[in-house]
N, C-alpha and C. Protein backbone atom coordinates (compact mmCIF):
# COMPACT_ATOMS: atom_id res chain seq x y z
N MET A 1 20.74 55.73 205.13
CA MET A 1 21.61 55.56 203.94
C MET A 1 22.75 55.06 204.29
N SER A 2 23.21 53.75 204.02
CA SER A 2 24.43 52.64 204.26
C SER A 2 25.67 53.67 203.57
N ALA A 3 27.24 53.32 204.10
CA ALA A 3 27.88 54.19 203.35
C ALA A 3 28.28 53.51 202.54
N THR A 4 28.10 52.34 201.91
CA THR A 4 27.59 51.56 200.49
C THR A 4 27.27 52.51 199.58
N LYS A 5 26.04 52.47 199.87
CA LYS A 5 25.32 53.59 199.18
C LYS A 5 25.51 55.29 198.94
N THR A 6 26.40 55.37 200.14
CA THR A 6 26.91 57.08 200.26
C THR A 6 27.83 57.55 199.27
N LEU A 7 28.53 56.33 199.51
CA LEU A 7 29.84 56.70 198.42
C LEU A 7 29.60 56.13 197.09
N ALA A 8 28.80 55.69 196.36
CA ALA A 8 28.71 54.91 195.35
C ALA A 8 28.00 56.31 194.62
N ALA A 9 26.78 57.00 195.80
CA ALA A 9 26.05 58.48 195.23
C ALA A 9 27.08 59.42 195.04
N ALA A 10 28.30 59.46 196.08
CA ALA A 10 29.44 60.36 195.86
C ALA A 10 30.21 60.37 194.94
N LEU A 11 30.28 59.33 194.45
CA LEU A 11 30.78 58.58 193.03
C LEU A 11 30.06 58.98 191.58
N VAL A 12 28.66 58.69 191.72
CA VAL A 12 28.09 59.54 190.58
C VAL A 12 28.10 60.77 190.68
N LEU A 13 28.13 61.16 191.69
CA LEU A 13 27.56 62.98 191.73
C LEU A 13 28.99 63.40 190.96
N GLY A 14 30.08 63.08 191.83
CA GLY A 14 31.50 63.60 191.23
C GLY A 14 31.88 62.99 189.87
N LEU A 15 31.82 61.97 189.41
CA LEU A 15 31.90 61.58 188.28
C LEU A 15 30.95 62.59 187.25
N GLY A 16 29.81 63.12 187.54
CA GLY A 16 28.88 63.81 186.67
C GLY A 16 29.35 64.95 186.75
N LEU A 17 29.71 65.55 188.12
CA LEU A 17 30.40 66.93 187.62
C LEU A 17 31.26 67.10 187.18
N GLY A 18 32.23 66.18 187.31
CA GLY A 18 33.52 65.82 186.81
C GLY A 18 33.52 65.89 185.27
N ALA A 19 32.67 65.00 184.69
CA ALA A 19 32.51 65.11 183.45
C ALA A 19 31.98 66.33 182.58
N PRO A 20 31.51 67.11 183.09
CA PRO A 20 31.70 68.55 181.78
C PRO A 20 33.04 69.17 182.27
N ALA A 21 33.57 69.37 183.21
CA ALA A 21 34.84 69.97 183.02
C ALA A 21 36.01 68.65 182.30
N ALA A 22 36.01 67.66 182.06
CA ALA A 22 36.34 66.93 181.17
C ALA A 22 36.34 67.43 180.30
N LEU A 23 34.84 67.16 179.65
CA LEU A 23 34.33 67.60 178.19
C LEU A 23 34.74 68.93 177.76
N GLN A 24 34.78 70.31 178.67
CA GLN A 24 35.10 71.58 178.29
C GLN A 24 36.76 71.11 177.95
N ALA A 25 37.62 70.32 178.64
CA ALA A 25 38.92 70.86 178.47
C ALA A 25 39.34 70.03 177.44
N GLN A 26 38.67 69.16 176.95
CA GLN A 26 38.83 68.32 175.62
C GLN A 26 38.48 69.36 174.49
N GLY A 27 37.64 69.88 174.43
CA GLY A 27 36.94 71.08 174.28
C GLY A 27 37.82 72.09 173.74
N HIS A 28 38.23 72.92 174.58
CA HIS A 28 39.49 73.32 174.70
C HIS A 28 40.83 73.03 174.01
N GLY A 29 41.30 71.84 174.23
CA GLY A 29 42.75 71.31 173.95
C GLY A 29 42.03 70.98 172.27
N GLN A 30 40.61 70.69 171.61
CA GLN A 30 40.79 71.07 170.33
C GLN A 30 40.83 72.06 169.92
N GLN A 31 40.17 73.13 170.34
CA GLN A 31 39.78 74.81 169.93
C GLN A 31 41.84 75.09 169.94
N MET A 32 42.70 75.08 170.62
CA MET A 32 43.67 75.10 170.71
C MET A 32 43.94 74.48 169.44
N SER A 33 44.30 72.96 169.02
CA SER A 33 44.75 72.03 168.28
C SER A 33 44.18 73.20 166.48
N GLN A 34 42.93 73.71 166.98
CA GLN A 34 42.56 74.15 165.48
C GLN A 34 42.97 75.39 165.09
N MET A 35 43.22 75.99 166.31
CA MET A 35 44.21 77.67 166.35
C MET A 35 45.70 77.33 165.65
N GLN A 36 46.25 76.27 166.23
CA GLN A 36 47.35 76.12 166.02
C GLN A 36 47.43 75.58 164.52
N GLN A 37 46.76 74.59 164.01
CA GLN A 37 46.84 74.15 162.77
C GLN A 37 46.15 75.72 161.91
N GLN A 38 45.51 76.64 162.17
CA GLN A 38 44.54 77.59 161.06
C GLN A 38 46.06 78.66 161.49
N MET A 39 47.03 78.41 162.61
CA MET A 39 48.27 79.62 162.69
C MET A 39 49.29 79.09 161.48
N GLN A 40 49.38 77.69 161.30
CA GLN A 40 50.25 77.36 160.32
C GLN A 40 49.80 77.30 158.90
N ARG A 41 48.82 76.84 158.81
CA ARG A 41 47.89 77.58 157.45
C ARG A 41 48.46 78.69 156.97
N MET A 42 48.18 79.58 157.94
CA MET A 42 48.30 81.10 157.50
C MET A 42 50.08 81.36 157.47
N GLN A 43 50.75 80.98 158.37
CA GLN A 43 52.53 80.91 158.00
C GLN A 43 52.67 80.53 156.54
N ASP A 44 52.12 79.01 156.21
CA ASP A 44 52.20 78.25 154.88
C ASP A 44 51.95 79.36 153.92
N GLN A 45 50.71 80.14 153.84
CA GLN A 45 50.15 81.03 153.07
C GLN A 45 51.01 82.40 152.75
N MET A 46 51.62 82.47 154.16
CA MET A 46 52.85 83.74 154.09
C MET A 46 54.09 83.32 153.37
N GLN A 47 54.82 82.50 153.73
CA GLN A 47 55.90 81.73 152.55
C GLN A 47 54.86 81.64 151.21
N ARG A 48 54.40 81.35 150.77
CA ARG A 48 53.81 81.51 149.53
C ARG A 48 54.19 82.90 148.71
N MET A 49 53.42 83.41 149.70
CA MET A 49 53.42 84.92 148.85
C MET A 49 54.53 85.46 149.01
N ASN A 50 55.75 84.89 149.85
CA ASN A 50 57.31 85.29 149.50
C ASN A 50 57.74 84.98 148.47
N ARG A 51 57.10 83.44 148.14
CA ARG A 51 57.70 83.08 146.70
C ARG A 51 57.36 83.64 145.50
N ILE A 52 55.95 84.21 146.03
CA ILE A 52 55.66 84.95 144.26
C ILE A 52 56.27 85.95 144.36
N GLN A 53 56.51 86.82 145.64
CA GLN A 53 57.46 88.02 145.45
C GLN A 53 59.09 87.62 145.01
N ASP A 54 59.38 86.70 144.97
CA ASP A 54 60.73 86.16 144.71
C ASP A 54 60.26 86.42 142.84
N ARG A 55 59.72 85.53 143.09
CA ARG A 55 59.45 85.55 141.30
C ARG A 55 59.08 86.96 140.76
N ILE A 56 58.48 87.84 140.98
CA ILE A 56 58.57 88.66 140.50
C ILE A 56 59.23 89.62 140.44
N HIS A 57 60.14 89.85 141.89
CA HIS A 57 61.51 90.19 141.82
C HIS A 57 62.43 89.59 140.63
N GLN A 58 62.30 88.28 140.23
CA GLN A 58 63.11 87.61 139.48
C GLN A 58 62.58 87.93 138.00
N MET A 59 61.37 88.20 137.82
CA MET A 59 60.41 88.61 136.62
C MET A 59 61.17 90.01 136.40
N ASP A 60 60.92 91.00 136.87
CA ASP A 60 61.95 92.46 136.77
C ASP A 60 63.13 92.39 136.46
N ARG A 61 63.64 91.63 137.19
CA ARG A 61 65.45 91.86 136.89
C ARG A 61 65.95 91.37 135.26
N GLN A 62 64.37 90.41 135.33
CA GLN A 62 65.22 90.03 133.57
C GLN A 62 64.15 90.68 132.61
N LEU A 63 63.48 91.51 132.96
CA LEU A 63 63.10 92.33 132.06
C LEU A 63 63.41 93.51 131.96
N ASP A 64 64.40 93.78 133.27
CA ASP A 64 65.92 95.12 133.23
C ASP A 64 66.57 94.76 131.89
N ARG A 65 67.31 93.85 132.42
CA ARG A 65 68.12 93.41 130.84
C ARG A 65 67.95 92.88 129.46
N GLN A 66 66.43 92.78 129.56
CA GLN A 66 65.85 93.33 128.08
C GLN A 66 65.72 94.33 127.66
N LEU A 67 65.38 94.85 128.77
CA LEU A 67 65.16 96.51 128.05
C LEU A 67 66.81 97.11 128.47
N ASP A 68 67.79 96.77 128.65
CA ASP A 68 69.10 97.33 128.64
C ASP A 68 69.47 96.67 127.16
N GLN A 69 69.21 95.57 126.71
CA GLN A 69 69.75 94.73 125.44
C GLN A 69 68.96 95.81 124.31
N LEU A 70 67.65 96.00 124.90
CA LEU A 70 66.39 96.85 123.53
C LEU A 70 67.49 98.74 123.23
N ARG A 71 67.55 99.10 124.75
CA ARG A 71 67.87 100.20 124.34
C ARG A 71 69.45 100.22 123.70
N ALA A 72 70.35 99.12 124.32
CA ALA A 72 71.57 99.04 123.49
C ALA A 72 71.21 99.14 121.81
N ARG A 73 70.77 98.00 121.93
CA ARG A 73 70.42 97.88 119.99
C ARG A 73 69.83 99.63 119.45
N ASP A 74 68.69 100.31 120.32
CA ASP A 74 68.60 101.11 119.47
C ASP A 74 69.53 101.89 119.66
N GLN A 75 70.46 102.44 120.25
CA GLN A 75 71.45 103.28 120.48
C GLN A 75 72.45 102.88 119.07
N ASP A 76 72.73 101.71 118.79
CA ASP A 76 73.83 101.10 118.02
C ASP A 76 72.75 101.86 116.42
N ARG A 77 71.78 101.74 116.21
CA ARG A 77 70.89 101.86 115.18
C ARG A 77 71.18 103.33 114.58
N ALA A 78 71.02 103.94 116.07
CA ALA A 78 70.68 105.30 116.39
C ALA A 78 72.23 105.79 115.50
N ARG A 79 73.12 104.87 115.78
CA ARG A 79 75.06 105.84 115.71
C ARG A 79 75.04 105.57 114.58
N ASP A 80 74.28 104.24 113.82
CA ASP A 80 75.00 104.24 112.57
C ASP A 80 74.34 104.86 111.53
N GLY A 81 72.50 105.34 112.02
CA GLY A 81 72.15 106.06 111.27
C GLY A 81 71.32 105.70 110.04
N THR A 82 71.22 104.39 110.42
CA THR A 82 70.66 103.12 109.54
C THR A 82 69.41 102.95 109.95
N GLY A 83 68.51 101.83 109.15
CA GLY A 83 67.13 101.48 109.77
C GLY A 83 66.25 102.52 110.78
N ASP A 84 65.83 103.48 110.34
CA ASP A 84 64.92 103.76 110.75
C ASP A 84 63.57 102.88 110.72
N GLN A 85 63.07 102.17 110.40
CA GLN A 85 61.96 100.95 110.65
C GLN A 85 62.38 100.52 111.61
N ASP A 86 63.88 99.89 111.84
CA ASP A 86 64.07 98.90 112.63
C ASP A 86 63.85 99.20 114.29
N ARG A 87 64.25 101.06 114.27
CA ARG A 87 64.30 101.23 115.31
C ARG A 87 62.74 101.42 115.80
N ASP A 88 62.33 101.91 114.88
CA ASP A 88 60.66 102.01 115.19
C ASP A 88 60.27 100.35 115.56
N ARG A 89 60.57 99.58 115.12
CA ARG A 89 59.93 98.45 115.71
C ARG A 89 61.09 98.00 117.25
N ILE A 90 61.94 98.53 117.21
CA ILE A 90 62.56 98.20 118.77
C ILE A 90 61.87 98.96 119.12
N ARG A 91 61.60 100.55 119.25
CA ARG A 91 61.27 101.53 120.13
C ARG A 91 59.80 100.75 120.72
N ASP A 92 58.94 99.94 119.29
CA ASP A 92 57.85 99.58 120.00
C ASP A 92 57.89 98.06 121.23
N GLN A 93 58.93 97.62 120.94
CA GLN A 93 59.29 96.58 121.71
C GLN A 93 60.12 96.70 123.09
N LEU A 94 60.66 97.93 123.02
CA LEU A 94 60.96 98.96 124.46
C LEU A 94 59.51 98.79 125.50
N ARG A 95 58.58 99.70 124.19
CA ARG A 95 57.47 100.20 125.31
C ARG A 95 56.44 99.00 125.39
N GLN A 96 56.59 97.99 124.74
CA GLN A 96 55.59 96.69 125.24
C GLN A 96 56.62 96.32 126.74
N HIS A 97 57.67 95.77 126.42
CA HIS A 97 58.67 95.56 127.63
C HIS A 97 58.16 96.24 128.87
N GLN A 98 58.29 97.62 128.71
CA GLN A 98 58.12 98.35 129.63
C GLN A 98 56.88 98.50 130.07
N GLN A 99 55.85 98.08 129.22
CA GLN A 99 54.22 97.87 129.65
C GLN A 99 54.17 97.02 130.86
N LEU A 100 55.01 95.46 130.01
CA LEU A 100 54.47 94.58 130.92
C LEU A 100 55.58 94.51 132.58
N GLN A 101 56.90 95.28 132.35
CA GLN A 101 57.16 95.67 133.96
C GLN A 101 56.58 96.30 134.74
N ASP A 102 56.02 97.66 134.07
CA ASP A 102 55.01 98.58 135.03
C ASP A 102 53.92 96.80 135.22
N MET A 103 53.28 96.27 134.94
CA MET A 103 52.13 95.54 135.21
C MET A 103 52.71 94.58 136.18
N LEU A 104 54.19 94.38 136.04
CA LEU A 104 54.30 93.05 136.83
C LEU A 104 54.87 94.21 138.52
N GLY A 105 55.41 95.19 138.21
CA GLY A 105 55.24 96.34 139.44
C GLY A 105 54.39 96.37 140.34
N SER A 106 53.03 96.65 139.44
CA SER A 106 51.59 96.96 140.36
C SER A 106 51.14 95.37 141.23
N THR A 107 51.70 94.49 140.39
CA THR A 107 51.53 93.02 140.83
C THR A 107 52.23 92.66 142.10
N GLY A 108 53.37 93.45 142.21
CA GLY A 108 54.25 93.33 143.17
C GLY A 108 53.82 94.45 144.23
N ASP A 109 52.93 95.68 143.83
CA ASP A 109 52.49 96.15 145.00
C ASP A 109 51.70 95.02 145.92
N MET A 110 50.52 94.61 144.76
CA MET A 110 49.32 94.14 145.91
C MET A 110 49.94 92.82 146.59
N VAL A 111 51.05 92.03 145.84
CA VAL A 111 51.08 91.17 146.51
C VAL A 111 51.87 91.67 147.79
N ARG A 112 52.75 92.54 148.08
CA ARG A 112 52.92 93.00 149.08
C ARG A 112 52.20 93.27 150.69
N GLN A 113 50.84 93.87 149.56
CA GLN A 113 49.87 94.79 150.67
C GLN A 113 48.95 93.03 151.12
N MET A 114 48.70 92.35 150.42
CA MET A 114 48.00 91.24 150.55
C MET A 114 49.02 90.32 151.99
N THR A 115 50.08 90.74 151.58
CA THR A 115 51.20 90.01 152.49
C THR A 115 51.03 90.57 154.21
N ARG A 116 51.12 91.84 153.86
CA ARG A 116 50.62 92.58 155.31
C ARG A 116 49.60 92.39 156.01
N SER A 117 48.48 92.10 154.54
CA SER A 117 47.15 92.00 155.17
C SER A 117 46.99 90.49 155.98
N MET A 118 47.66 89.75 155.60
CA MET A 118 47.98 87.92 156.02
C MET A 118 48.07 88.21 157.20
N GLU A 119 49.17 89.18 157.69
CA GLU A 119 49.76 89.29 158.62
C GLU A 119 49.12 89.79 159.95
N GLN A 120 48.83 90.62 159.03
CA GLN A 120 47.59 91.38 160.18
C GLN A 120 46.74 90.00 160.76
N LEU A 121 46.06 89.42 160.46
CA LEU A 121 45.14 88.92 159.74
C LEU A 121 45.59 87.43 161.19
N ARG A 122 47.15 87.02 160.71
CA ARG A 122 47.41 86.02 161.39
C ARG A 122 47.99 86.78 163.20
N GLN A 123 48.03 87.38 163.28
CA GLN A 123 48.55 88.19 164.46
C GLN A 123 46.62 88.38 165.30
N MET A 124 45.73 88.56 164.41
CA MET A 124 44.64 88.71 165.07
C MET A 124 44.39 86.87 165.54
N ALA A 125 44.26 86.13 164.72
CA ALA A 125 44.08 84.89 164.87
C ALA A 125 44.88 84.66 166.30
N GLY A 126 45.86 85.13 166.48
CA GLY A 126 46.83 84.45 167.46
C GLY A 126 46.66 85.01 168.67
N ASP A 127 45.29 86.15 168.52
CA ASP A 127 44.79 87.20 169.95
C ASP A 127 44.14 86.18 170.61
N PRO A 128 44.63 85.89 171.99
CA PRO A 128 43.69 85.07 172.81
C PRO A 128 42.38 85.32 173.13
N GLY A 129 41.92 86.56 172.81
CA GLY A 129 40.69 87.84 173.42
C GLY A 129 40.08 87.14 172.70
N LEU A 130 40.54 86.40 171.28
CA LEU A 130 39.34 86.67 169.98
C LEU A 130 39.53 85.00 169.87
N ALA A 131 39.94 84.22 170.44
CA ALA A 131 39.69 82.76 170.50
C ALA A 131 39.26 81.92 170.79
N GLY A 132 38.16 82.33 171.77
CA GLY A 132 37.00 81.89 172.59
C GLY A 132 35.87 82.37 171.16
N ASP A 133 35.67 83.15 170.52
CA ASP A 133 34.41 83.85 169.66
C ASP A 133 34.44 82.81 168.57
N PRO A 134 33.78 81.75 168.05
CA PRO A 134 33.51 80.62 166.79
C PRO A 134 33.13 80.97 166.13
N ALA A 135 32.06 82.73 165.98
CA ALA A 135 31.41 83.41 164.58
C ALA A 135 33.44 84.30 164.53
N MET A 136 33.73 84.76 165.15
CA MET A 136 35.09 85.04 164.92
C MET A 136 36.38 84.38 163.85
N THR A 137 36.15 83.26 164.73
CA THR A 137 36.86 82.45 164.04
C THR A 137 36.72 81.97 162.55
N ARG A 138 35.37 81.83 162.55
CA ARG A 138 35.11 80.93 161.41
C ARG A 138 35.11 82.82 160.19
N ASN A 139 35.32 83.68 160.99
CA ASN A 139 35.15 84.62 159.76
C ASN A 139 36.82 85.07 159.32
N MET A 140 37.66 84.94 160.34
CA MET A 140 39.07 85.04 159.92
C MET A 140 39.33 83.75 159.37
N GLU A 141 38.91 82.86 158.95
CA GLU A 141 39.46 81.50 158.69
C GLU A 141 38.22 81.52 157.14
N GLN A 142 37.63 82.42 156.89
CA GLN A 142 37.07 82.60 155.42
C GLN A 142 37.78 83.67 154.75
N ILE A 143 38.29 84.96 155.84
CA ILE A 143 39.41 86.01 154.94
C ILE A 143 40.58 85.09 154.75
N GLN A 144 40.90 84.22 155.48
CA GLN A 144 41.92 83.41 154.90
C GLN A 144 41.87 82.38 153.48
N GLU A 145 40.62 81.49 153.65
CA GLU A 145 39.84 81.15 152.49
C GLU A 145 40.34 82.30 151.24
N ARG A 146 39.89 83.08 151.62
CA ARG A 146 39.94 84.46 150.46
C ARG A 146 41.24 84.99 150.12
N PHE A 147 42.03 84.66 150.72
CA PHE A 147 43.52 84.94 150.64
C PHE A 147 43.80 83.95 149.72
N ARG A 148 44.23 82.91 150.25
CA ARG A 148 44.35 81.41 149.41
C ARG A 148 43.97 81.62 148.03
N ASN A 149 42.40 81.91 147.74
CA ASN A 149 42.19 82.50 146.23
C ASN A 149 42.88 83.17 145.64
N MET A 150 43.02 84.76 146.28
CA MET A 150 43.55 85.29 145.81
C MET A 150 45.27 84.91 145.46
N ALA A 151 45.66 84.05 145.95
CA ALA A 151 47.38 84.05 146.05
C ALA A 151 47.48 82.73 144.67
N ASP A 152 45.78 82.18 144.15
CA ASP A 152 46.25 81.20 143.28
C ASP A 152 45.87 81.96 141.86
N GLN A 153 44.80 83.28 142.28
CA GLN A 153 45.20 83.69 141.26
C GLN A 153 46.03 84.70 140.59
N THR A 154 46.68 85.30 141.89
CA THR A 154 48.01 85.98 141.59
C THR A 154 49.24 85.21 140.85
N ASP A 155 48.96 83.82 141.07
CA ASP A 155 50.20 82.82 141.11
C ASP A 155 49.67 82.58 139.09
N GLU A 156 47.91 82.17 139.22
CA GLU A 156 47.89 82.15 137.64
C GLU A 156 48.35 83.55 136.80
N CYS A 157 47.75 84.67 137.21
CA CYS A 157 48.61 85.79 136.44
C CYS A 157 50.12 86.18 135.96
N LEU A 158 50.93 85.24 137.19
CA LEU A 158 52.07 85.17 137.26
C LEU A 158 52.54 84.59 136.06
N LYS A 159 52.10 83.60 135.45
CA LYS A 159 52.21 82.27 135.02
C LYS A 159 52.08 82.65 133.39
N LEU A 160 51.19 83.72 133.26
CA LEU A 160 50.56 84.31 132.18
C LEU A 160 51.87 85.37 131.49
N MET A 161 51.56 86.11 132.79
CA MET A 161 53.24 87.33 132.60
C MET A 161 54.44 86.64 131.77
N GLU A 162 54.62 85.36 132.56
CA GLU A 162 56.05 84.48 132.64
C GLU A 162 55.82 84.15 130.42
N GLN A 163 54.61 84.05 130.43
CA GLN A 163 54.73 83.45 128.67
C GLN A 163 54.53 85.07 127.63
N ILE A 164 54.30 85.98 128.26
CA ILE A 164 54.20 86.88 127.60
C ILE A 164 55.53 87.46 127.21
N GLN A 165 56.14 87.54 128.67
CA GLN A 165 57.95 87.93 128.49
C GLN A 165 58.42 86.95 127.83
N GLN A 166 58.10 86.13 127.37
CA GLN A 166 58.84 84.95 126.89
C GLN A 166 58.65 85.16 125.31
N ARG A 167 57.33 85.33 124.92
CA ARG A 167 56.84 85.75 123.93
C ARG A 167 57.19 87.13 123.19
N LEU A 168 57.43 87.85 124.14
CA LEU A 168 58.32 88.78 123.50
C LEU A 168 60.05 89.36 123.58
N GLN A 169 60.34 88.30 124.27
CA GLN A 169 61.90 88.04 124.03
C GLN A 169 61.86 87.62 122.89
N GLU A 170 61.18 87.07 122.50
CA GLU A 170 61.73 85.88 121.29
C GLU A 170 61.62 86.80 120.23
N HIS A 171 60.08 87.53 120.36
CA HIS A 171 60.10 88.73 118.90
C HIS A 171 60.78 89.33 119.33
N ALA A 172 62.03 90.03 120.27
CA ALA A 172 62.62 90.74 120.20
C ALA A 172 63.86 90.27 119.68
N GLN A 173 64.19 88.80 119.78
CA GLN A 173 65.30 87.95 119.06
C GLN A 173 65.39 87.84 117.66
N ALA A 174 63.92 88.26 117.15
CA ALA A 174 63.65 87.40 115.62
C ALA A 174 63.69 88.58 115.43
N GLY A 175 63.25 90.20 115.84
CA GLY A 175 63.26 90.81 115.25
C GLY A 175 62.29 90.97 114.51
N THR A 176 61.01 90.71 115.14
CA THR A 176 59.54 90.73 114.24
C THR A 176 58.63 91.23 115.26
N GLY A 177 58.80 92.36 116.25
CA GLY A 177 58.63 93.84 116.72
C GLY A 177 57.42 93.19 117.78
N GLY A 178 57.00 91.89 117.74
CA GLY A 178 55.41 91.48 118.35
C GLY A 178 54.70 91.76 117.91
N ASP A 179 54.55 91.62 116.57
CA ASP A 179 53.39 91.87 115.78
C ASP A 179 52.24 90.22 115.68
N ALA A 180 53.16 88.96 115.49
CA ALA A 180 52.87 87.55 115.04
C ALA A 180 52.65 87.61 116.15
């Protein structure tokens, strides 16, 4: 075989052997990029959950203030010795506000647990030992999607609770007792 043919054969063979390594390196780079994107999505989702927790805390403080105002009104009526019907209405409003606050507290507990679970998933996703398993990656992505859906639902629940809180406040200010 001539030197030119030998060199050409070596080049073809070398390129042929190098191509799978290059493709493998490219695939590994894409896998790392996908992992980084997944980690960023998880981090974004955890920040969203923190914002939801902040909203819950703010609503809880508002409910505390509203409950304090209602208790003060009830005590004023008791001191005056007048308005048994008014006191009954105030007590109903106190009960309604307390029920909403309890529901809000349960929602806050759920959000904290969900945030912890998201953090555990994020740690698992960052585990290099699991990174090479496509089925595991798919499962983790599916869990992440379920967490996102739960966060969406929680956000919708909070919006509804905010509307209820507003209505209760309007009823308390109007003195209608929440029956309207």
